[in-house]
Amino acid sequence: MSSINAEQYKHIAALAKLAFPEEEVANNAHVFDDILKMVDQLDEVDTTDVPVLRSGIELKNVMRDDTPTPGLPRTELMKNVPTEKDGFIHVPAAFDESEDNA
């Protein structure tokens, strides 16, 4: 790969919406060029028999099967309800401004 000059570095920085002081551009371009050369070295590694790695950790489905089961009886559920009305949980109205609130 060809080396990155200061103008190319400024162009790449602008694409990434980054701004650097002019006195840092030359040094940063040199460092960026060194990084790209190190990445290019990876092309020299023979990876023909290496399986594709999709994740750094082994992933598995940890969810259980979604099988319906019978729920608790209504009487059991309503034991913990502070107020009940007609077999339903009664809560104060959030937006009703009437005096009844029922």
PDB file of N, CA and C in Angstrom:
ATOM      1  N   MET A   1       0.848  -1.181   0.000  1.00  0.00           N
ATOM      2  CA  MET A   1       0.000   0.000   0.000  1.00  0.00           C
ATOM      3  C   MET A   1       0.888   1.237   0.000  1.00  0.00           C
ATOM      4  N   SER A   2       0.446   2.236  -0.693  1.00  0.00           N
ATOM      5  CA  SER A   2       1.212   3.489  -0.709  1.00  0.00           C
ATOM      6  C   SER A   2       1.043   4.217   0.610  1.00  0.00           C
ATOM      7  N   SER A   3       2.002   5.066   0.922  1.00  0.00           N
ATOM      8  CA  SER A   3       1.949   5.774   2.196  1.00  0.00           C
ATOM      9  C   SER A   3       0.918   6.900   2.140  1.00  0.00           C
ATOM     10  N   ILE A   4       0.459   7.276   3.302  1.00  0.00           N
ATOM     11  CA  ILE A   4      -0.540   8.338   3.446  1.00  0.00           C
ATOM     12  C   ILE A   4       0.196   9.653   3.652  1.00  0.00           C
ATOM     13  N   ASN A   5      -0.107  10.632   2.821  1.00  0.00           N
ATOM     14  CA  ASN A   5       0.513  11.943   3.015  1.00  0.00           C
ATOM     15  C   ASN A   5      -0.426  12.836   3.829  1.00  0.00           C
ATOM     16  N   ALA A   6       0.039  14.035   4.132  1.00  0.00           N
ATOM     17  CA  ALA A   6      -0.720  14.946   4.991  1.00  0.00           C
ATOM     18  C   ALA A   6      -2.054  15.331   4.367  1.00  0.00           C
ATOM     19  N   GLU A   7      -2.085  15.534   3.058  1.00  0.00           N
ATOM     20  CA  GLU A   7      -3.339  15.921   2.398  1.00  0.00           C
ATOM     21  C   GLU A   7      -4.364  14.793   2.465  1.00  0.00           C
ATOM     22  N   GLN A   8      -3.915  13.567   2.243  1.00  0.00           N
ATOM     23  CA  GLN A   8      -4.826  12.419   2.335  1.00  0.00           C
ATOM     24  C   GLN A   8      -5.324  12.249   3.767  1.00  0.00           C
ATOM     25  N   TYR A   9      -4.426  12.456   4.710  1.00  0.00           N
ATOM     26  CA  TYR A   9      -4.808  12.351   6.114  1.00  0.00           C
ATOM     27  C   TYR A   9      -5.880  13.386   6.461  1.00  0.00           C
ATOM     28  N   LYS A  10      -5.685  14.627   6.000  1.00  0.00           N
ATOM     29  CA  LYS A  10      -6.682  15.675   6.265  1.00  0.00           C
ATOM     30  C   LYS A  10      -8.020  15.325   5.626  1.00  0.00           C
ATOM     31  N   HIS A  11      -7.972  14.729   4.426  1.00  0.00           N
ATOM     32  CA  HIS A  11      -9.204  14.334   3.750  1.00  0.00           C
ATOM     33  C   HIS A  11      -9.932  13.248   4.546  1.00  0.00           C
ATOM     34  N   ILE A  12      -9.196  12.240   5.011  1.00  0.00           N
ATOM     35  CA  ILE A  12      -9.797  11.169   5.815  1.00  0.00           C
ATOM     36  C   ILE A  12     -10.362  11.730   7.114  1.00  0.00           C
ATOM     37  N   ALA A  13      -9.630  12.640   7.738  1.00  0.00           N
ATOM     38  CA  ALA A  13     -10.099  13.265   8.976  1.00  0.00           C
ATOM     39  C   ALA A  13     -11.380  14.055   8.727  1.00  0.00           C
ATOM     40  N   ALA A  14     -11.452  14.751   7.603  1.00  0.00           N
ATOM     41  CA  ALA A  14     -12.656  15.520   7.280  1.00  0.00           C
ATOM     42  C   ALA A  14     -13.844  14.590   7.055  1.00  0.00           C
ATOM     43  N   LEU A  15     -13.615  13.443   6.408  1.00  0.00           N
ATOM     44  CA  LEU A  15     -14.695  12.479   6.208  1.00  0.00           C
ATOM     45  C   LEU A  15     -15.229  11.966   7.539  1.00  0.00           C
ATOM     46  N   ALA A  16     -14.344  11.840   8.514  1.00  0.00           N
ATOM     47  CA  ALA A  16     -14.733  11.383   9.843  1.00  0.00           C
ATOM     48  C   ALA A  16     -15.187  12.540  10.727  1.00  0.00           C
ATOM     49  N   LYS A  17     -15.268  13.735  10.141  1.00  0.00           N
ATOM     50  CA  LYS A  17     -15.667  14.954  10.859  1.00  0.00           C
ATOM     51  C   LYS A  17     -14.751  15.228  12.051  1.00  0.00           C
ATOM     52  N   LEU A  18     -13.447  15.036  11.822  1.00  0.00           N
ATOM     53  CA  LEU A  18     -12.432  15.326  12.828  1.00  0.00           C
ATOM     54  C   LEU A  18     -11.584  16.495  12.349  1.00  0.00           C
ATOM     55  N   ALA A  19     -11.144  17.296  13.265  1.00  0.00           N
ATOM     56  CA  ALA A  19     -10.270  18.420  12.930  1.00  0.00           C
ATOM     57  C   ALA A  19      -9.037  18.351  13.825  1.00  0.00           C
ATOM     58  N   PHE A  20      -7.868  18.523  13.211  1.00  0.00           N
ATOM     59  CA  PHE A  20      -6.611  18.498  13.946  1.00  0.00           C
ATOM     60  C   PHE A  20      -5.846  19.779  13.664  1.00  0.00           C
ATOM     61  N   PRO A  21      -5.118  20.277  14.662  1.00  0.00           N
ATOM     62  CA  PRO A  21      -4.272  21.445  14.407  1.00  0.00           C
ATOM     63  C   PRO A  21      -3.230  21.106  13.337  1.00  0.00           C
ATOM     64  N   GLU A  22      -2.879  22.089  12.528  1.00  0.00           N
ATOM     65  CA  GLU A  22      -1.958  21.878  11.405  1.00  0.00           C
ATOM     66  C   GLU A  22      -0.621  21.295  11.863  1.00  0.00           C
ATOM     67  N   GLU A  23      -0.156  21.684  13.054  1.00  0.00           N
ATOM     68  CA  GLU A  23       1.138  21.179  13.527  1.00  0.00           C
ATOM     69  C   GLU A  23       1.091  19.689  13.891  1.00  0.00           C
ATOM     70  N   GLU A  24      -0.104  19.112  14.090  1.00  0.00           N
ATOM     71  CA  GLU A  24      -0.234  17.689  14.404  1.00  0.00           C
ATOM     72  C   GLU A  24      -0.441  16.828  13.159  1.00  0.00           C
ATOM     73  N   VAL A  25      -0.810  17.440  12.047  1.00  0.00           N
ATOM     74  CA  VAL A  25      -1.196  16.677  10.859  1.00  0.00           C
ATOM     75  C   VAL A  25      -0.054  15.803  10.345  1.00  0.00           C
ATOM     76  N   ALA A  26       1.144  16.332  10.225  1.00  0.00           N
ATOM     77  CA  ALA A  26       2.259  15.568   9.677  1.00  0.00           C
ATOM     78  C   ALA A  26       2.577  14.353  10.544  1.00  0.00           C
ATOM     79  N   ASN A  27       2.650  14.556  11.864  1.00  0.00           N
ATOM     80  CA  ASN A  27       2.945  13.434  12.759  1.00  0.00           C
ATOM     81  C   ASN A  27       1.803  12.421  12.751  1.00  0.00           C
ATOM     82  N   ASN A  28       0.553  12.896  12.805  1.00  0.00           N
ATOM     83  CA  ASN A  28      -0.590  11.994  12.797  1.00  0.00           C
ATOM     84  C   ASN A  28      -0.649  11.199  11.504  1.00  0.00           C
ATOM     85  N   ALA A  29      -0.318  11.823  10.388  1.00  0.00           N
ATOM     86  CA  ALA A  29      -0.319  11.129   9.100  1.00  0.00           C
ATOM     87  C   ALA A  29       0.712  10.005   9.119  1.00  0.00           C
ATOM     88  N   HIS A  30       1.857  10.276   9.714  1.00  0.00           N
ATOM     89  CA  HIS A  30       2.901   9.257   9.809  1.00  0.00           C
ATOM     90  C   HIS A  30       2.431   8.086  10.687  1.00  0.00           C
ATOM     91  N   VAL A  31       1.834   8.373  11.821  1.00  0.00           N
ATOM     92  CA  VAL A  31       1.336   7.333  12.730  1.00  0.00           C
ATOM     93  C   VAL A  31       0.226   6.536  12.054  1.00  0.00           C
ATOM     94  N   PHE A  32      -0.676   7.234  11.372  1.00  0.00           N
ATOM     95  CA  PHE A  32      -1.777   6.573  10.669  1.00  0.00           C
ATOM     96  C   PHE A  32      -1.223   5.651   9.582  1.00  0.00           C
ATOM     97  N   ASP A  33      -0.205   6.101   8.884  1.00  0.00           N
ATOM     98  CA  ASP A  33       0.434   5.295   7.853  1.00  0.00           C
ATOM     99  C   ASP A  33       1.060   4.035   8.463  1.00  0.00           C
ATOM    100  N   ASP A  34       1.697   4.165   9.620  1.00  0.00           N
ATOM    101  CA  ASP A  34       2.275   2.999  10.302  1.00  0.00           C
ATOM    102  C   ASP A  34       1.195   1.985  10.685  1.00  0.00           C
ATOM    103  N   ILE A  35       0.061   2.481  11.137  1.00  0.00           N
ATOM    104  CA  ILE A  35      -1.052   1.592  11.512  1.00  0.00           C
ATOM    105  C   ILE A  35      -1.552   0.838  10.282  1.00  0.00           C
ATOM    106  N   LEU A  36      -1.712   1.543   9.166  1.00  0.00           N
ATOM    107  CA  LEU A  36      -2.169   0.884   7.945  1.00  0.00           C
ATOM    108  C   LEU A  36      -1.179  -0.163   7.460  1.00  0.00           C
ATOM    109  N   LYS A  37       0.111   0.086   7.632  1.00  0.00           N
ATOM    110  CA  LYS A  37       1.124  -0.898   7.239  1.00  0.00           C
ATOM    111  C   LYS A  37       1.036  -2.149   8.113  1.00  0.00           C
ATOM    112  N   MET A  38       0.756  -1.965   9.405  1.00  0.00           N
ATOM    113  CA  MET A  38       0.583  -3.120  10.283  1.00  0.00           C
ATOM    114  C   MET A  38      -0.648  -3.930   9.879  1.00  0.00           C
ATOM    115  N   VAL A  39      -1.712  -3.260   9.511  1.00  0.00           N
ATOM    116  CA  VAL A  39      -2.918  -3.957   9.063  1.00  0.00           C
ATOM    117  C   VAL A  39      -2.629  -4.703   7.766  1.00  0.00           C
ATOM    118  N   ASP A  40      -1.838  -4.113   6.881  1.00  0.00           N
ATOM    119  CA  ASP A  40      -1.472  -4.784   5.627  1.00  0.00           C
ATOM    120  C   ASP A  40      -0.713  -6.082   5.881  1.00  0.00           C
ATOM    121  N   GLN A  41       0.024  -6.164   6.975  1.00  0.00           N
ATOM    122  CA  GLN A  41       0.759  -7.386   7.298  1.00  0.00           C
ATOM    123  C   GLN A  41      -0.185  -8.569   7.497  1.00  0.00           C
ATOM    124  N   LEU A  42      -1.416  -8.306   7.879  1.00  0.00           N
ATOM    125  CA  LEU A  42      -2.379  -9.385   8.086  1.00  0.00           C
ATOM    126  C   LEU A  42      -2.692 -10.112   6.786  1.00  0.00           C
ATOM    127  N   ASP A  43      -2.544  -9.430   5.646  1.00  0.00           N
ATOM    128  CA  ASP A  43      -2.777 -10.075   4.352  1.00  0.00           C
ATOM    129  C   ASP A  43      -1.761 -11.172   4.070  1.00  0.00           C
ATOM    130  N   GLU A  44      -0.624 -11.127   4.722  1.00  0.00           N
ATOM    131  CA  GLU A  44       0.428 -12.106   4.498  1.00  0.00           C
ATOM    132  C   GLU A  44       0.191 -13.406   5.262  1.00  0.00           C
ATOM    133  N   VAL A  45      -0.732 -13.408   6.194  1.00  0.00           N
ATOM    134  CA  VAL A  45      -0.996 -14.587   7.008  1.00  0.00           C
ATOM    135  C   VAL A  45      -1.881 -15.552   6.222  1.00  0.00           C
ATOM    136  N   ASP A  46      -1.490 -16.838   6.180  1.00  0.00           N
ATOM    137  CA  ASP A  46      -2.272 -17.862   5.501  1.00  0.00           C
ATOM    138  C   ASP A  46      -3.438 -18.284   6.401  1.00  0.00           C
ATOM    139  N   THR A  47      -4.651 -17.999   5.963  1.00  0.00           N
ATOM    140  CA  THR A  47      -5.837 -18.322   6.758  1.00  0.00           C
ATOM    141  C   THR A  47      -6.753 -19.318   6.049  1.00  0.00           C
ATOM    142  N   THR A  48      -6.200 -20.107   5.119  1.00  0.00           N
ATOM    143  CA  THR A  48      -7.041 -21.008   4.332  1.00  0.00           C
ATOM    144  C   THR A  48      -7.760 -22.048   5.184  1.00  0.00           C
ATOM    145  N   ASP A  49      -7.124 -22.597   6.182  1.00  0.00           N
ATOM    146  CA  ASP A  49      -7.757 -23.634   6.995  1.00  0.00           C
ATOM    147  C   ASP A  49      -8.334 -23.108   8.313  1.00  0.00           C
ATOM    148  N   VAL A  50      -8.391 -21.811   8.460  1.00  0.00           N
ATOM    149  CA  VAL A  50      -8.909 -21.216   9.684  1.00  0.00           C
ATOM    150  C   VAL A  50     -10.406 -20.970   9.505  1.00  0.00           C
ATOM    151  N   PRO A  51     -11.235 -21.528  10.400  1.00  0.00           N
ATOM    152  CA  PRO A  51     -12.681 -21.304  10.256  1.00  0.00           C
ATOM    153  C   PRO A  51     -13.043 -19.841  10.524  1.00  0.00           C
ATOM    154  N   VAL A  52     -14.120 -19.408   9.916  1.00  0.00           N
ATOM    155  CA  VAL A  52     -14.582 -18.029  10.080  1.00  0.00           C
ATOM    156  C   VAL A  52     -15.062 -17.844  11.514  1.00  0.00           C
ATOM    157  N   LEU A  53     -14.620 -16.784  12.145  1.00  0.00           N
ATOM    158  CA  LEU A  53     -15.012 -16.465  13.513  1.00  0.00           C
ATOM    159  C   LEU A  53     -16.053 -15.364  13.466  1.00  0.00           C
ATOM    160  N   ARG A  54     -17.248 -15.684  13.878  1.00  0.00           N
ATOM    161  CA  ARG A  54     -18.329 -14.692  13.844  1.00  0.00           C
ATOM    162  C   ARG A  54     -18.436 -13.916  15.153  1.00  0.00           C
ATOM    163  N   SER A  55     -17.909 -14.472  16.230  1.00  0.00           N
ATOM    164  CA  SER A  55     -17.972 -13.809  17.522  1.00  0.00           C
ATOM    165  C   SER A  55     -16.786 -14.281  18.357  1.00  0.00           C
ATOM    166  N   GLY A  56     -16.344 -13.447  19.258  1.00  0.00           N
ATOM    167  CA  GLY A  56     -15.226 -13.804  20.116  1.00  0.00           C
ATOM    168  C   GLY A  56     -15.606 -14.767  21.216  1.00  0.00           C
ATOM    169  N   ILE A  57     -16.895 -14.925  21.458  1.00  0.00           N
ATOM    170  CA  ILE A  57     -17.365 -15.866  22.477  1.00  0.00           C
ATOM    171  C   ILE A  57     -18.381 -16.803  21.847  1.00  0.00           C
ATOM    172  N   GLU A  58     -18.508 -17.982  22.424  1.00  0.00           N
ATOM    173  CA  GLU A  58     -19.487 -18.926  21.901  1.00  0.00           C
ATOM    174  C   GLU A  58     -20.873 -18.501  22.359  1.00  0.00           C
ATOM    175  N   LEU A  59     -21.751 -18.289  21.405  1.00  0.00           N
ATOM    176  CA  LEU A  59     -23.110 -17.864  21.724  1.00  0.00           C
ATOM    177  C   LEU A  59     -24.042 -19.060  21.659  1.00  0.00           C
ATOM    178  N   LYS A  60     -24.976 -19.103  22.556  1.00  0.00           N
ATOM    179  CA  LYS A  60     -25.996 -20.135  22.501  1.00  0.00           C
ATOM    180  C   LYS A  60     -27.305 -19.528  22.986  1.00  0.00           C
ATOM    181  N   ASN A  61     -28.381 -20.131  22.556  1.00  0.00           N
ATOM    182  CA  ASN A  61     -29.693 -19.637  22.933  1.00  0.00           C
ATOM    183  C   ASN A  61     -29.972 -20.049  24.376  1.00  0.00           C
ATOM    184  N   VAL A  62     -30.147 -19.094  25.254  1.00  0.00           N
ATOM    185  CA  VAL A  62     -30.383 -19.393  26.655  1.00  0.00           C
ATOM    186  C   VAL A  62     -31.861 -19.282  27.021  1.00  0.00           C
ATOM    187  N   MET A  63     -32.694 -19.073  26.018  1.00  0.00           N
ATOM    188  CA  MET A  63     -34.121 -18.930  26.284  1.00  0.00           C
ATOM    189  C   MET A  63     -34.773 -20.312  26.323  1.00  0.00           C
ATOM    190  N   ARG A  64     -35.726 -20.473  27.182  1.00  0.00           N
ATOM    191  CA  ARG A  64     -36.462 -21.731  27.245  1.00  0.00           C
ATOM    192  C   ARG A  64     -37.543 -21.730  26.174  1.00  0.00           C
ATOM    193  N   ASP A  65     -38.070 -22.903  25.894  1.00  0.00           N
ATOM    194  CA  ASP A  65     -39.174 -22.990  24.951  1.00  0.00           C
ATOM    195  C   ASP A  65     -40.372 -22.241  25.514  1.00  0.00           C
ATOM    196  N   ASP A  66     -41.091 -21.578  24.655  1.00  0.00           N
ATOM    197  CA  ASP A  66     -42.258 -20.810  25.061  1.00  0.00           C
ATOM    198  C   ASP A  66     -43.485 -21.713  25.003  1.00  0.00           C
ATOM    199  N   THR A  67     -43.718 -22.405  26.098  1.00  0.00           N
ATOM    200  CA  THR A  67     -44.868 -23.299  26.155  1.00  0.00           C
ATOM    201  C   THR A  67     -45.892 -22.739  27.125  1.00  0.00           C
ATOM    202  N   PRO A  68     -47.142 -22.651  26.683  1.00  0.00           N
ATOM    203  CA  PRO A  68     -48.178 -22.109  27.570  1.00  0.00           C
ATOM    204  C   PRO A  68     -48.434 -23.037  28.751  1.00  0.00           C
ATOM    205  N   THR A  69     -48.616 -22.448  29.907  1.00  0.00           N
ATOM    206  CA  THR A  69     -48.950 -23.202  31.112  1.00  0.00           C
ATOM    207  C   THR A  69     -50.141 -22.531  31.775  1.00  0.00           C
ATOM    208  N   PRO A  70     -50.913 -23.270  32.531  1.00  0.00           N
ATOM    209  CA  PRO A  70     -52.058 -22.649  33.194  1.00  0.00           C
ATOM    210  C   PRO A  70     -51.589 -21.628  34.227  1.00  0.00           C
ATOM    211  N   GLY A  71     -52.307 -20.523  34.324  1.00  0.00           N
ATOM    212  CA  GLY A  71     -51.973 -19.484  35.287  1.00  0.00           C
ATOM    213  C   GLY A  71     -52.551 -19.795  36.658  1.00  0.00           C
ATOM    214  N   LEU A  72     -52.316 -18.883  37.576  1.00  0.00           N
ATOM    215  CA  LEU A  72     -52.864 -19.046  38.924  1.00  0.00           C
ATOM    216  C   LEU A  72     -54.362 -18.787  38.904  1.00  0.00           C
ATOM    217  N   PRO A  73     -55.095 -19.412  39.819  1.00  0.00           N
ATOM    218  CA  PRO A  73     -56.529 -19.117  39.911  1.00  0.00           C
ATOM    219  C   PRO A  73     -56.743 -17.654  40.315  1.00  0.00           C
ATOM    220  N   ARG A  74     -57.827 -17.065  39.844  1.00  0.00           N
ATOM    221  CA  ARG A  74     -58.129 -15.661  40.109  1.00  0.00           C
ATOM    222  C   ARG A  74     -58.155 -15.363  41.607  1.00  0.00           C
ATOM    223  N   THR A  75     -58.714 -16.270  42.407  1.00  0.00           N
ATOM    224  CA  THR A  75     -58.795 -16.025  43.855  1.00  0.00           C
ATOM    225  C   THR A  75     -57.397 -15.904  44.466  1.00  0.00           C
ATOM    226  N   GLU A  76     -56.475 -16.725  43.963  1.00  0.00           N
ATOM    227  CA  GLU A  76     -55.096 -16.663  44.463  1.00  0.00           C
ATOM    228  C   GLU A  76     -54.430 -15.344  44.080  1.00  0.00           C
ATOM    229  N   LEU A  77     -54.671 -14.887  42.851  1.00  0.00           N
ATOM    230  CA  LEU A  77     -54.092 -13.632  42.383  1.00  0.00           C
ATOM    231  C   LEU A  77     -54.648 -12.434  43.151  1.00  0.00           C
ATOM    232  N   MET A  78     -55.926 -12.459  43.443  1.00  0.00           N
ATOM    233  CA  MET A  78     -56.573 -11.304  44.073  1.00  0.00           C
ATOM    234  C   MET A  78     -56.254 -11.174  45.560  1.00  0.00           C
ATOM    235  N   LYS A  79     -55.563 -12.146  46.146  1.00  0.00           N
ATOM    236  CA  LYS A  79     -55.204 -12.065  47.567  1.00  0.00           C
ATOM    237  C   LYS A  79     -54.278 -10.875  47.841  1.00  0.00           C
ATOM    238  N   ASN A  80     -53.440 -10.506  46.869  1.00  0.00           N
ATOM    239  CA  ASN A  80     -52.472  -9.435  47.082  1.00  0.00           C
ATOM    240  C   ASN A  80     -52.952  -8.084  46.561  1.00  0.00           C
ATOM    241  N   VAL A  81     -54.168  -8.013  46.070  1.00  0.00           N
ATOM    242  CA  VAL A  81     -54.693  -6.777  45.485  1.00  0.00           C
ATOM    243  C   VAL A  81     -55.273  -5.913  46.597  1.00  0.00           C
ATOM    244  N   PRO A  82     -54.842  -4.636  46.675  1.00  0.00           N
ATOM    245  CA  PRO A  82     -55.366  -3.786  47.755  1.00  0.00           C
ATOM    246  C   PRO A  82     -56.862  -3.499  47.609  1.00  0.00           C
ATOM    247  N   THR A  83     -57.313  -3.205  46.392  1.00  0.00           N
ATOM    248  CA  THR A  83     -58.747  -2.958  46.182  1.00  0.00           C
ATOM    249  C   THR A  83     -59.198  -3.674  44.919  1.00  0.00           C
ATOM    250  N   GLU A  84     -60.411  -4.215  45.025  1.00  0.00           N
ATOM    251  CA  GLU A  84     -60.969  -4.984  43.916  1.00  0.00           C
ATOM    252  C   GLU A  84     -62.369  -4.447  43.625  1.00  0.00           C
ATOM    253  N   LYS A  85     -62.740  -4.447  42.336  1.00  0.00           N
ATOM    254  CA  LYS A  85     -64.074  -3.990  41.966  1.00  0.00           C
ATOM    255  C   LYS A  85     -64.575  -4.892  40.843  1.00  0.00           C
ATOM    256  N   ASP A  86     -65.664  -5.578  41.071  1.00  0.00           N
ATOM    257  CA  ASP A  86     -66.299  -6.468  40.102  1.00  0.00           C
ATOM    258  C   ASP A  86     -65.334  -7.547  39.589  1.00  0.00           C
ATOM    259  N   GLY A  87     -64.478  -8.069  40.452  1.00  0.00           N
ATOM    260  CA  GLY A  87     -63.561  -9.130  40.066  1.00  0.00           C
ATOM    261  C   GLY A  87     -62.298  -8.644  39.374  1.00  0.00           C
ATOM    262  N   PHE A  88     -62.096  -7.333  39.291  1.00  0.00           N
ATOM    263  CA  PHE A  88     -60.915  -6.765  38.650  1.00  0.00           C
ATOM    264  C   PHE A  88     -60.137  -5.951  39.668  1.00  0.00           C
ATOM    265  N   ILE A  89     -58.858  -5.718  39.363  1.00  0.00           N
ATOM    266  CA  ILE A  89     -58.036  -4.868  40.216  1.00  0.00           C
ATOM    267  C   ILE A  89     -58.491  -3.435  40.015  1.00  0.00           C
ATOM    268  N   HIS A  90     -58.781  -2.752  41.111  1.00  0.00           N
ATOM    269  CA  HIS A  90     -59.248  -1.366  41.037  1.00  0.00           C
ATOM    270  C   HIS A  90     -58.098  -0.434  41.396  1.00  0.00           C
ATOM    271  N   VAL A  91     -57.787   0.449  40.461  1.00  0.00           N
ATOM    272  CA  VAL A  91     -56.739   1.439  40.699  1.00  0.00           C
ATOM    273  C   VAL A  91     -57.331   2.820  40.505  1.00  0.00           C
ATOM    274  N   PRO A  92     -56.776   3.826  41.155  1.00  0.00           N
ATOM    275  CA  PRO A  92     -57.296   5.181  40.948  1.00  0.00           C
ATOM    276  C   PRO A  92     -57.057   5.623  39.511  1.00  0.00           C
ATOM    277  N   ALA A  93     -57.980   6.379  38.980  1.00  0.00           N
ATOM    278  CA  ALA A  93     -57.843   6.888  37.619  1.00  0.00           C
ATOM    279  C   ALA A  93     -56.675   7.856  37.558  1.00  0.00           C
ATOM    280  N   ALA A  94     -55.899   7.761  36.514  1.00  0.00           N
ATOM    281  CA  ALA A  94     -54.735   8.618  36.376  1.00  0.00           C
ATOM    282  C   ALA A  94     -55.098   9.972  35.795  1.00  0.00           C
ATOM    283  N   PHE A  95     -56.118  10.028  34.942  1.00  0.00           N
ATOM    284  CA  PHE A  95     -56.434  11.278  34.252  1.00  0.00           C
ATOM    285  C   PHE A  95     -57.844  11.765  34.530  1.00  0.00           C
ATOM    286  N   ASP A  96     -58.629  11.010  35.269  1.00  0.00           N
ATOM    287  CA  ASP A  96     -59.994  11.412  35.544  1.00  0.00           C
ATOM    288  C   ASP A  96     -60.008  12.443  36.666  1.00  0.00           C
ATOM    289  N   GLU A  97     -60.595  13.585  36.380  1.00  0.00           N
ATOM    290  CA  GLU A  97     -60.614  14.650  37.370  1.00  0.00           C
ATOM    291  C   GLU A  97     -61.973  14.765  38.057  1.00  0.00           C
ATOM    292  N   SER A  98     -62.854  13.810  37.802  1.00  0.00           N
ATOM    293  CA  SER A  98     -64.161  13.854  38.463  1.00  0.00           C
ATOM    294  C   SER A  98     -63.994  13.473  39.937  1.00  0.00           C
ATOM    295  N   GLU A  99     -65.003  13.808  40.720  1.00  0.00           N
ATOM    296  CA  GLU A  99     -64.919  13.537  42.159  1.00  0.00           C
ATOM    297  C   GLU A  99     -65.075  12.043  42.461  1.00  0.00           C
ATOM    298  N   ASP A 100     -65.732  11.304  41.580  1.00  0.00           N
ATOM    299  CA  ASP A 100     -66.024   9.896  41.832  1.00  0.00           C
ATOM    300  C   ASP A 100     -64.776   9.039  41.675  1.00  0.00           C
ATOM    301  N   ASN A 101     -63.972   9.294  40.648  1.00  0.00           N
ATOM    302  CA  ASN A 101     -62.753   8.533  40.340  1.00  0.00           C
ATOM    303  C   ASN A 101     -62.997   7.030  40.234  1.00  0.00           C
ATOM    304  N   ALA A 102     -64.209   6.609  39.945  1.00  0.00           N
ATOM    305  CA  ALA A 102     -64.477   5.181  39.874  1.00  0.00           C
ATOM    306  C   ALA A 102     -64.919   4.765  38.504  1.00  0.00           C
TER     307      ALA A 102
END
